[in-house]
Protein backbone atom coordinates (compact mmCIF):
# COMPACT_ATOMS: atom_id res chain seq x y z
CA MET A 1 0.00 0.00 0.00
CA GLY A 2 1.16 3.48 -0.78
CA MET A 3 -0.08 7.03 -0.72
CA ILE A 4 -1.57 8.87 -3.69
CA MET A 5 0.59 11.91 -4.36
CA VAL A 6 0.21 15.06 -6.45
CA LYS A 7 2.54 17.93 -7.29
CA CYS A 8 2.02 21.35 -5.70
CA PRO A 9 1.81 23.85 -8.58
CA GLN A 10 3.37 26.57 -6.39
CA SER A 11 6.37 24.77 -4.88
CA GLY A 12 6.70 21.85 -7.32
CA ARG A 13 7.02 19.46 -4.38
CA ALA A 14 5.16 16.17 -4.08
CA ILE A 15 2.34 16.30 -1.53
CA SER A 16 0.23 13.53 -0.07
CA THR A 17 -3.49 13.46 -0.81
CA GLY A 18 -4.14 11.38 2.30
CA ILE A 19 -5.58 8.58 0.14
CA LYS A 20 -4.03 5.11 0.41
CA SER A 21 -3.93 2.74 -2.57
CA ASP A 22 -1.71 0.29 -4.36
CA ARG A 23 -0.47 1.06 -7.87
CA GLU A 24 -2.49 -1.62 -9.66
CA THR A 25 -5.79 -0.61 -8.07
CA PHE A 26 -5.11 3.08 -8.67
CA LEU A 27 -4.26 2.51 -12.34
CA ARG A 28 -7.52 0.55 -12.80
CA SER A 29 -9.65 3.16 -11.04
CA ILE A 30 -12.10 5.35 -12.88
CA VAL A 31 -11.08 8.88 -13.73
CA PHE A 32 -11.79 11.05 -10.75
CA PHE A 33 -11.23 14.55 -9.50
CA GLY A 34 -9.74 15.36 -6.10
CA ASN A 35 -9.01 18.30 -3.86
CA THR A 36 -6.11 18.38 -1.42
CA LEU A 37 -5.01 20.97 1.13
CA CYS A 38 -1.32 21.61 0.53
CA PRO A 39 0.89 21.79 3.65
CA ASP A 40 3.52 23.76 1.69
CA CYS A 41 1.52 26.71 0.35
CA ARG A 42 -1.65 26.17 2.44
CA ALA A 43 -3.89 26.31 -0.63
CA ASN A 44 -6.41 23.77 -1.89
CA HIS A 45 -5.20 22.08 -5.06
CA ASN A 46 -7.69 20.49 -7.44
CA TRP A 47 -6.32 17.53 -9.37
CA PHE A 48 -7.33 14.72 -11.71
CA ALA A 49 -6.25 11.11 -11.23
CA ARG A 50 -4.08 11.30 -14.37
CA GLU A 51 -1.94 13.93 -12.58
CA ALA A 52 -1.40 11.75 -9.51
CA TRP A 53 0.75 8.74 -8.71
CA VAL A 54 1.12 6.17 -5.95
CA GLU A 55 4.25 6.47 -3.86
CA GLU A 56 4.86 3.22 -2.06
CA PRO A 57 7.19 2.97 0.93
CA ILE A 58 10.60 1.49 0.33
CA VAL A 59 10.92 -1.87 2.02
CA ARG A 60 14.46 -2.51 3.09
CA THR A 61 15.58 -5.96 3.99
CA VAL A 62 18.34 -6.53 6.45
CA GLU A 63 20.43 -9.58 5.98
CA VAL A 64 21.60 -11.10 9.20
CA ALA A 65 24.80 -13.06 8.92
CA ARG A 66 24.39 -16.35 10.70
CA THR A 67 27.38 -18.31 11.74
CA ALA A 68 27.31 -21.99 12.40
CA PRO A 69 28.11 -22.84 16.00
CA THR A 70 31.53 -24.33 16.48
CA CYS A 71 32.01 -27.47 18.51
């Protein structure tokens, strides 16, 4: 699961819409219109789904080196 993101037209920064989705579901969704309050410029930004994308969290795996016990 990730967060649907849009670009602030004032700052150019990516902002969260507060809507969670996965990429496949979002790409299959119907065309819709949204409105998001921008934390950067404090304005409401209207956007269409085609202008948005899903930003999924990076999952990092940590490899743990295991050593065989010595006898």
